[in-house]
Amino acid sequence: STHCISSAASDVYKRQDLIDCGKDLFGRPLRMTDITLQNWQHMFASAKQSNITLQIVSAYRSIDYQCDLIQRKLASGRSIDDILQVNAIPGYSEHHTGRALDITTPGAEPLEESFELTDAFAWLVDHAAAFNFAMSYPKSNNLGIAYEPWHWACASR
């Protein structure tokens, strides 16, 4: 596969402080920073006490993965302008930090705006800040990234 940047350059960005946390919703390896995991576990447990089920769609993504993601979308015929509305340029994704989580709930289509209509989203809006999580890309954000009600990041480093 063709890479956006050389493997040597991507080594500079590899996180050494990530913890293996099992599998995401799609069975892929799930990794994040220790503090993100601790905050996620507390938030997950608190949501569960409120009869809310939170699931992780994705967490850490390497630069190589981000390159491949963009290349797959280009190969499917999408324009780069369209892709960059929803995917950061490799090296600039919040997912590279190990602190970003894409979240869903049973019955919701992952990575879709319709997540905002779920009880899980309403719970996150009301409670995520108590666990150091914030929605990264709210409506009309100043970063020019499309609204992503599923994308939450842990503020603690």
N, C-alpha and C. Protein backbone atom coordinates (compact mmCIF):
# COMPACT_ATOMS: atom_id res chain seq x y z
N SER A 1 0.84 -1.19 0.00
CA SER A 1 0.00 0.00 0.00
C SER A 1 0.88 1.24 0.00
N THR A 2 0.38 2.28 -0.60
CA THR A 2 1.11 3.55 -0.66
C THR A 2 0.87 4.31 0.63
N HIS A 3 1.93 4.87 1.20
CA HIS A 3 1.79 5.61 2.45
C HIS A 3 1.95 7.09 2.21
N CYS A 4 1.29 7.90 3.02
CA CYS A 4 1.35 9.36 2.91
C CYS A 4 2.70 9.89 3.33
N ILE A 5 3.28 9.24 4.32
CA ILE A 5 4.59 9.65 4.81
C ILE A 5 5.44 8.41 4.96
N SER A 6 6.72 8.58 5.04
CA SER A 6 7.59 7.42 5.15
C SER A 6 7.43 6.74 6.50
N SER A 7 7.73 5.48 6.56
CA SER A 7 7.66 4.74 7.81
C SER A 7 8.59 5.33 8.86
N ALA A 8 9.75 5.81 8.42
CA ALA A 8 10.70 6.41 9.37
C ALA A 8 10.08 7.65 10.01
N ALA A 9 9.39 8.47 9.21
CA ALA A 9 8.76 9.67 9.76
C ALA A 9 7.62 9.28 10.71
N SER A 10 6.88 8.24 10.38
CA SER A 10 5.76 7.86 11.24
C SER A 10 6.25 7.31 12.57
N ASP A 11 7.46 6.77 12.62
CA ASP A 11 8.02 6.28 13.88
C ASP A 11 8.12 7.40 14.92
N VAL A 12 8.37 8.62 14.44
CA VAL A 12 8.49 9.77 15.34
C VAL A 12 7.19 9.97 16.12
N TYR A 13 6.06 9.64 15.48
CA TYR A 13 4.75 9.89 16.08
C TYR A 13 4.17 8.71 16.85
N LYS A 14 4.87 7.59 16.88
CA LYS A 14 4.34 6.43 17.58
C LYS A 14 4.28 6.68 19.07
N ARG A 15 3.14 6.39 19.66
CA ARG A 15 2.94 6.59 21.09
C ARG A 15 3.54 5.41 21.84
N GLN A 16 4.32 5.73 22.86
CA GLN A 16 4.92 4.68 23.68
C GLN A 16 4.13 4.46 24.97
N ASP A 17 3.16 5.33 25.23
CA ASP A 17 2.44 5.30 26.51
C ASP A 17 1.02 4.76 26.39
N LEU A 18 0.76 3.96 25.37
CA LEU A 18 -0.58 3.43 25.17
C LEU A 18 -0.76 2.08 25.86
N ILE A 19 -1.97 1.86 26.30
CA ILE A 19 -2.32 0.61 26.99
C ILE A 19 -3.26 -0.18 26.10
N ASP A 20 -3.03 -1.48 25.99
CA ASP A 20 -3.96 -2.35 25.28
C ASP A 20 -5.20 -2.52 26.14
N CYS A 21 -6.37 -2.25 25.54
CA CYS A 21 -7.62 -2.23 26.31
C CYS A 21 -8.66 -3.20 25.75
N GLY A 22 -8.22 -4.25 25.11
CA GLY A 22 -9.17 -5.20 24.54
C GLY A 22 -9.47 -4.86 23.10
N LYS A 23 -10.74 -4.97 22.72
CA LYS A 23 -11.17 -4.77 21.34
C LYS A 23 -12.25 -3.69 21.27
N ASP A 24 -12.28 -2.99 20.14
CA ASP A 24 -13.33 -2.01 19.93
C ASP A 24 -14.59 -2.72 19.40
N LEU A 25 -15.60 -1.95 19.05
CA LEU A 25 -16.87 -2.49 18.58
C LEU A 25 -16.72 -3.42 17.39
N PHE A 26 -15.69 -3.19 16.57
CA PHE A 26 -15.47 -3.99 15.37
C PHE A 26 -14.42 -5.07 15.55
N GLY A 27 -13.96 -5.29 16.79
CA GLY A 27 -13.00 -6.34 17.07
C GLY A 27 -11.55 -5.96 16.79
N ARG A 28 -11.30 -4.68 16.55
CA ARG A 28 -9.93 -4.22 16.32
C ARG A 28 -9.26 -3.94 17.67
N PRO A 29 -7.93 -4.04 17.73
CA PRO A 29 -7.24 -3.73 18.99
C PRO A 29 -7.56 -2.31 19.45
N LEU A 30 -7.85 -2.20 20.72
CA LEU A 30 -8.22 -0.92 21.32
C LEU A 30 -7.10 -0.45 22.21
N ARG A 31 -6.58 0.76 21.93
CA ARG A 31 -5.46 1.30 22.71
C ARG A 31 -5.75 2.76 23.03
N MET A 32 -5.31 3.17 24.23
CA MET A 32 -5.44 4.56 24.66
C MET A 32 -4.45 4.81 25.78
N THR A 33 -4.33 6.08 26.19
CA THR A 33 -3.44 6.39 27.30
C THR A 33 -4.05 5.87 28.60
N ASP A 34 -3.21 5.71 29.60
CA ASP A 34 -3.65 5.21 30.90
C ASP A 34 -4.72 6.12 31.51
N ILE A 35 -4.51 7.43 31.50
CA ILE A 35 -5.47 8.35 32.11
C ILE A 35 -6.79 8.34 31.34
N THR A 36 -6.73 8.20 30.02
CA THR A 36 -7.96 8.11 29.22
C THR A 36 -8.71 6.84 29.59
N LEU A 37 -7.99 5.73 29.74
CA LEU A 37 -8.63 4.48 30.14
C LEU A 37 -9.28 4.61 31.51
N GLN A 38 -8.57 5.19 32.46
CA GLN A 38 -9.15 5.35 33.80
C GLN A 38 -10.43 6.19 33.75
N ASN A 39 -10.37 7.32 33.04
CA ASN A 39 -11.55 8.18 32.94
C ASN A 39 -12.68 7.48 32.19
N TRP A 40 -12.35 6.76 31.12
CA TRP A 40 -13.36 6.01 30.37
C TRP A 40 -14.04 4.98 31.27
N GLN A 41 -13.25 4.22 32.03
CA GLN A 41 -13.82 3.19 32.89
C GLN A 41 -14.79 3.79 33.92
N HIS A 42 -14.42 4.93 34.50
CA HIS A 42 -15.31 5.59 35.46
C HIS A 42 -16.57 6.10 34.77
N MET A 43 -16.41 6.69 33.59
CA MET A 43 -17.56 7.21 32.85
C MET A 43 -18.48 6.07 32.41
N PHE A 44 -17.89 5.00 31.90
CA PHE A 44 -18.66 3.83 31.47
C PHE A 44 -19.49 3.27 32.62
N ALA A 45 -18.86 3.13 33.79
CA ALA A 45 -19.56 2.59 34.97
C ALA A 45 -20.68 3.52 35.43
N SER A 46 -20.43 4.81 35.41
CA SER A 46 -21.45 5.77 35.80
C SER A 46 -22.63 5.74 34.82
N ALA A 47 -22.35 5.67 33.55
CA ALA A 47 -23.41 5.58 32.55
C ALA A 47 -24.23 4.31 32.76
N LYS A 48 -23.54 3.21 33.03
CA LYS A 48 -24.22 1.93 33.25
C LYS A 48 -25.19 2.03 34.43
N GLN A 49 -24.79 2.75 35.48
CA GLN A 49 -25.67 2.94 36.64
C GLN A 49 -26.92 3.72 36.25
N SER A 50 -26.84 4.50 35.19
CA SER A 50 -27.99 5.25 34.67
C SER A 50 -28.69 4.50 33.54
N ASN A 51 -28.39 3.20 33.41
CA ASN A 51 -28.96 2.36 32.35
C ASN A 51 -28.60 2.83 30.95
N ILE A 52 -27.41 3.38 30.81
CA ILE A 52 -26.89 3.82 29.52
C ILE A 52 -25.70 2.93 29.17
N THR A 53 -25.70 2.39 27.96
CA THR A 53 -24.59 1.56 27.50
C THR A 53 -23.77 2.36 26.50
N LEU A 54 -22.51 2.56 26.83
CA LEU A 54 -21.57 3.22 25.94
C LEU A 54 -20.64 2.18 25.34
N GLN A 55 -20.34 2.34 24.06
CA GLN A 55 -19.43 1.44 23.37
C GLN A 55 -18.39 2.26 22.62
N ILE A 56 -17.17 1.73 22.52
CA ILE A 56 -16.11 2.42 21.79
C ILE A 56 -16.04 1.88 20.36
N VAL A 57 -16.20 2.79 19.41
CA VAL A 57 -16.07 2.45 18.00
C VAL A 57 -14.60 2.44 17.62
N SER A 58 -13.84 3.45 18.09
CA SER A 58 -12.40 3.50 17.84
C SER A 58 -11.75 4.42 18.85
N ALA A 59 -10.45 4.23 19.00
CA ALA A 59 -9.67 5.07 19.92
C ALA A 59 -8.40 5.48 19.19
N TYR A 60 -7.24 5.06 19.68
CA TYR A 60 -5.96 5.42 19.05
C TYR A 60 -5.92 4.95 17.60
N ARG A 61 -5.44 5.83 16.74
CA ARG A 61 -5.15 5.47 15.35
C ARG A 61 -3.75 5.97 15.02
N SER A 62 -2.96 5.11 14.41
CA SER A 62 -1.62 5.50 13.99
C SER A 62 -1.70 6.40 12.76
N ILE A 63 -0.61 7.07 12.48
CA ILE A 63 -0.55 7.90 11.27
C ILE A 63 -0.70 7.02 10.04
N ASP A 64 -0.08 5.86 10.02
CA ASP A 64 -0.22 4.95 8.89
C ASP A 64 -1.68 4.55 8.69
N TYR A 65 -2.40 4.28 9.78
CA TYR A 65 -3.81 3.92 9.68
C TYR A 65 -4.60 5.10 9.09
N GLN A 66 -4.29 6.32 9.55
CA GLN A 66 -4.98 7.51 9.06
C GLN A 66 -4.72 7.69 7.56
N CYS A 67 -3.49 7.45 7.13
CA CYS A 67 -3.16 7.52 5.70
C CYS A 67 -3.98 6.51 4.91
N ASP A 68 -4.01 5.27 5.40
CA ASP A 68 -4.75 4.22 4.71
C ASP A 68 -6.25 4.55 4.65
N LEU A 69 -6.78 5.11 5.73
CA LEU A 69 -8.19 5.49 5.78
C LEU A 69 -8.51 6.52 4.68
N ILE A 70 -7.68 7.52 4.57
CA ILE A 70 -7.88 8.56 3.56
C ILE A 70 -7.71 7.98 2.16
N GLN A 71 -6.71 7.13 1.98
CA GLN A 71 -6.48 6.53 0.67
C GLN A 71 -7.65 5.64 0.23
N ARG A 72 -8.25 4.91 1.19
CA ARG A 72 -9.42 4.09 0.85
C ARG A 72 -10.58 4.96 0.40
N LYS A 73 -10.77 6.10 1.07
CA LYS A 73 -11.86 7.01 0.69
C LYS A 73 -11.59 7.64 -0.67
N LEU A 74 -10.34 8.01 -0.95
CA LEU A 74 -9.99 8.53 -2.27
C LEU A 74 -10.25 7.49 -3.35
N ALA A 75 -9.85 6.25 -3.07
CA ALA A 75 -10.03 5.16 -4.03
C ALA A 75 -11.51 4.89 -4.31
N SER A 76 -12.38 5.21 -3.34
CA SER A 76 -13.82 4.99 -3.54
C SER A 76 -14.46 6.13 -4.31
N GLY A 77 -13.64 7.14 -4.68
CA GLY A 77 -14.15 8.23 -5.50
C GLY A 77 -14.48 9.52 -4.77
N ARG A 78 -14.26 9.55 -3.46
CA ARG A 78 -14.54 10.78 -2.70
C ARG A 78 -13.43 11.80 -2.94
N SER A 79 -13.79 13.06 -2.92
CA SER A 79 -12.80 14.12 -3.13
C SER A 79 -12.03 14.37 -1.83
N ILE A 80 -10.82 14.88 -1.97
CA ILE A 80 -10.01 15.16 -0.79
C ILE A 80 -10.67 16.24 0.07
N ASP A 81 -11.32 17.22 -0.56
CA ASP A 81 -12.02 18.26 0.21
C ASP A 81 -13.13 17.66 1.07
N ASP A 82 -13.87 16.72 0.51
CA ASP A 82 -14.94 16.05 1.24
C ASP A 82 -14.36 15.23 2.40
N ILE A 83 -13.29 14.51 2.13
CA ILE A 83 -12.66 13.65 3.14
C ILE A 83 -12.14 14.49 4.30
N LEU A 84 -11.52 15.62 4.01
CA LEU A 84 -10.92 16.44 5.07
C LEU A 84 -11.96 17.18 5.90
N GLN A 85 -13.23 17.09 5.53
CA GLN A 85 -14.30 17.61 6.38
C GLN A 85 -14.54 16.68 7.57
N VAL A 86 -14.17 15.41 7.40
CA VAL A 86 -14.45 14.42 8.45
C VAL A 86 -13.22 13.67 8.95
N ASN A 87 -12.12 13.78 8.25
CA ASN A 87 -10.88 13.12 8.67
C ASN A 87 -9.74 14.12 8.67
N ALA A 88 -9.01 14.16 9.77
CA ALA A 88 -7.86 15.06 9.86
C ALA A 88 -6.72 14.57 8.99
N ILE A 89 -5.89 15.50 8.58
CA ILE A 89 -4.68 15.17 7.84
C ILE A 89 -3.81 14.29 8.74
N PRO A 90 -3.23 13.21 8.21
CA PRO A 90 -2.36 12.37 9.03
C PRO A 90 -1.31 13.22 9.75
N GLY A 91 -1.18 12.95 11.04
CA GLY A 91 -0.28 13.73 11.89
C GLY A 91 -1.03 14.76 12.71
N TYR A 92 -2.29 15.03 12.35
CA TYR A 92 -3.07 16.05 13.04
C TYR A 92 -4.35 15.50 13.68
N SER A 93 -4.59 14.22 13.56
CA SER A 93 -5.79 13.63 14.14
C SER A 93 -5.69 13.55 15.66
N GLU A 94 -6.77 13.90 16.32
CA GLU A 94 -6.82 13.76 17.78
C GLU A 94 -6.68 12.29 18.18
N HIS A 95 -7.02 11.38 17.27
CA HIS A 95 -6.89 9.95 17.56
C HIS A 95 -5.43 9.55 17.73
N HIS A 96 -4.48 10.30 17.16
CA HIS A 96 -3.06 9.99 17.32
C HIS A 96 -2.59 10.17 18.76
N THR A 97 -3.32 10.94 19.55
CA THR A 97 -2.90 11.23 20.92
C THR A 97 -3.19 10.10 21.90
N GLY A 98 -4.10 9.18 21.53
CA GLY A 98 -4.51 8.14 22.46
C GLY A 98 -5.55 8.64 23.47
N ARG A 99 -6.06 9.86 23.26
CA ARG A 99 -7.04 10.44 24.19
C ARG A 99 -8.42 10.57 23.57
N ALA A 100 -8.57 10.33 22.26
CA ALA A 100 -9.85 10.49 21.58
C ALA A 100 -10.57 9.16 21.45
N LEU A 101 -11.87 9.20 21.70
CA LEU A 101 -12.72 8.01 21.57
C LEU A 101 -13.91 8.34 20.68
N ASP A 102 -14.20 7.46 19.75
CA ASP A 102 -15.46 7.53 19.02
C ASP A 102 -16.41 6.59 19.74
N ILE A 103 -17.55 7.13 20.17
CA ILE A 103 -18.47 6.42 21.05
C ILE A 103 -19.81 6.20 20.35
N THR A 104 -20.43 5.07 20.65
CA THR A 104 -21.78 4.77 20.18
C THR A 104 -22.53 4.06 21.28
N THR A 105 -23.71 3.59 20.96
CA THR A 105 -24.55 2.84 21.89
C THR A 105 -25.32 1.81 21.08
N PRO A 106 -25.73 0.70 21.68
CA PRO A 106 -26.48 -0.29 20.92
C PRO A 106 -27.71 0.33 20.24
N GLY A 107 -27.91 -0.05 18.97
CA GLY A 107 -29.04 0.45 18.21
C GLY A 107 -28.74 1.70 17.40
N ALA A 108 -27.59 2.32 17.66
CA ALA A 108 -27.20 3.51 16.90
C ALA A 108 -26.21 3.12 15.81
N GLU A 109 -26.31 3.75 14.66
CA GLU A 109 -25.36 3.53 13.59
C GLU A 109 -24.06 4.24 13.98
N PRO A 110 -22.94 3.51 14.08
CA PRO A 110 -21.69 4.15 14.48
C PRO A 110 -21.27 5.25 13.53
N LEU A 111 -20.70 6.31 14.09
CA LEU A 111 -20.12 7.41 13.34
C LEU A 111 -21.14 8.15 12.47
N GLU A 112 -22.35 8.26 12.97
CA GLU A 112 -23.40 8.99 12.26
C GLU A 112 -23.97 10.07 13.17
N GLU A 113 -24.39 11.18 12.56
CA GLU A 113 -24.96 12.29 13.33
C GLU A 113 -26.19 11.86 14.13
N SER A 114 -26.88 10.84 13.68
CA SER A 114 -28.07 10.37 14.39
C SER A 114 -27.76 9.93 15.82
N PHE A 115 -26.48 9.73 16.15
CA PHE A 115 -26.10 9.42 17.53
C PHE A 115 -26.61 10.49 18.48
N GLU A 116 -26.72 11.74 18.00
CA GLU A 116 -27.18 12.84 18.85
C GLU A 116 -28.62 12.65 19.34
N LEU A 117 -29.35 11.74 18.73
CA LEU A 117 -30.75 11.49 19.11
C LEU A 117 -30.88 10.41 20.18
N THR A 118 -29.76 9.85 20.62
CA THR A 118 -29.80 8.74 21.58
C THR A 118 -29.74 9.23 23.02
N ASP A 119 -30.22 8.38 23.92
CA ASP A 119 -30.10 8.66 25.35
C ASP A 119 -28.63 8.71 25.77
N ALA A 120 -27.79 7.91 25.09
CA ALA A 120 -26.36 7.90 25.41
C ALA A 120 -25.73 9.26 25.13
N PHE A 121 -26.08 9.87 24.01
CA PHE A 121 -25.54 11.19 23.70
C PHE A 121 -26.02 12.22 24.72
N ALA A 122 -27.29 12.19 25.04
CA ALA A 122 -27.83 13.13 26.05
C ALA A 122 -27.09 12.95 27.38
N TRP A 123 -26.82 11.70 27.74
CA TRP A 123 -26.10 11.43 28.99
C TRP A 123 -24.68 12.02 28.90
N LEU A 124 -23.99 11.80 27.78
CA LEU A 124 -22.64 12.34 27.60
C LEU A 124 -22.64 13.86 27.71
N VAL A 125 -23.59 14.52 27.08
CA VAL A 125 -23.66 15.98 27.13
C VAL A 125 -23.78 16.45 28.58
N ASP A 126 -24.57 15.73 29.37
CA ASP A 126 -24.80 16.12 30.76
C ASP A 126 -23.68 15.70 31.72
N HIS A 127 -22.96 14.61 31.41
CA HIS A 127 -22.05 14.02 32.40
C HIS A 127 -20.59 13.85 31.99
N ALA A 128 -20.27 13.90 30.70
CA ALA A 128 -18.90 13.58 30.25
C ALA A 128 -17.86 14.50 30.86
N ALA A 129 -18.18 15.76 31.06
CA ALA A 129 -17.20 16.71 31.61
C ALA A 129 -16.74 16.30 33.00
N ALA A 130 -17.60 15.65 33.75
CA ALA A 130 -17.22 15.20 35.10
C ALA A 130 -16.12 14.13 35.04
N PHE A 131 -15.94 13.53 33.87
CA PHE A 131 -14.93 12.49 33.68
C PHE A 131 -13.81 12.99 32.76
N ASN A 132 -13.71 14.32 32.61
CA ASN A 132 -12.68 14.97 31.80
C ASN A 132 -12.80 14.69 30.30
N PHE A 133 -14.01 14.40 29.83
CA PHE A 133 -14.24 14.22 28.40
C PHE A 133 -15.04 15.39 27.86
N ALA A 134 -14.73 15.77 26.62
CA ALA A 134 -15.47 16.83 25.93
C ALA A 134 -15.65 16.44 24.47
N MET A 135 -16.78 16.86 23.88
CA MET A 135 -17.01 16.63 22.47
C MET A 135 -16.04 17.53 21.70
N SER A 136 -15.25 16.96 20.83
CA SER A 136 -14.22 17.71 20.12
C SER A 136 -14.75 18.57 18.99
N TYR A 137 -15.78 18.09 18.30
CA TYR A 137 -16.26 18.77 17.10
C TYR A 137 -17.75 19.04 17.17
N PRO A 138 -18.14 20.01 18.03
CA PRO A 138 -19.55 20.38 18.11
C PRO A 138 -20.00 21.08 16.82
N LYS A 139 -21.28 21.34 16.71
CA LYS A 139 -21.80 22.05 15.55
C LYS A 139 -21.10 23.40 15.43
N SER A 140 -20.82 23.79 14.20
CA SER A 140 -20.19 25.09 13.89
C SER A 140 -18.89 25.32 14.64
N ASN A 141 -18.08 24.26 14.81
CA ASN A 141 -16.79 24.42 15.49
C ASN A 141 -15.84 25.25 14.62
N ASN A 142 -14.89 25.89 15.27
CA ASN A 142 -13.99 26.80 14.56
C ASN A 142 -12.84 26.07 13.84
N LEU A 143 -12.82 24.75 13.89
CA LEU A 143 -11.78 23.98 13.21
C LEU A 143 -12.17 23.62 11.78
N GLY A 144 -13.44 23.84 11.44
CA GLY A 144 -13.90 23.50 10.11
C GLY A 144 -14.13 22.01 9.91
N ILE A 145 -14.16 21.26 11.00
CA ILE A 145 -14.43 19.82 10.94
C ILE A 145 -15.94 19.62 11.07
N ALA A 146 -16.46 18.67 10.33
CA ALA A 146 -17.89 18.38 10.39
C ALA A 146 -18.30 18.01 11.82
N TYR A 147 -19.52 18.31 12.16
CA TYR A 147 -20.10 17.96 13.47
C TYR A 147 -19.97 16.47 13.70
N GLU A 148 -19.39 16.09 14.84
CA GLU A 148 -19.20 14.67 15.18
C GLU A 148 -19.67 14.44 16.61
N PRO A 149 -20.95 14.17 16.81
CA PRO A 149 -21.44 13.97 18.18
C PRO A 149 -20.88 12.73 18.85
N TRP A 150 -20.25 11.86 18.11
CA TRP A 150 -19.68 10.61 18.64
C TRP A 150 -18.23 10.77 19.10
N HIS A 151 -17.56 11.86 18.73
CA HIS A 151 -16.11 12.01 18.97
C HIS A 151 -15.87 12.81 20.25
N TRP A 152 -15.32 12.13 21.27
CA TRP A 152 -15.07 12.73 22.57
C TRP A 152 -13.60 12.51 22.93
N ALA A 153 -12.99 13.50 23.58
CA ALA A 153 -11.59 13.37 23.96
C ALA A 153 -11.41 13.67 25.43
N CYS A 154 -10.46 12.96 26.01
CA CYS A 154 -10.11 13.15 27.42
C CYS A 154 -9.13 14.31 27.53
N ALA A 155 -9.48 15.28 28.36
CA ALA A 155 -8.65 16.47 28.51
C ALA A 155 -7.38 16.19 29.30
N SER A 156 -7.39 15.20 30.15
CA SER A 156 -6.21 14.87 30.96
C SER A 156 -5.15 14.23 30.08
N ARG A 157 -3.92 14.61 30.29
CA ARG A 157 -2.84 14.03 29.48
C ARG A 157 -2.10 13.02 30.23
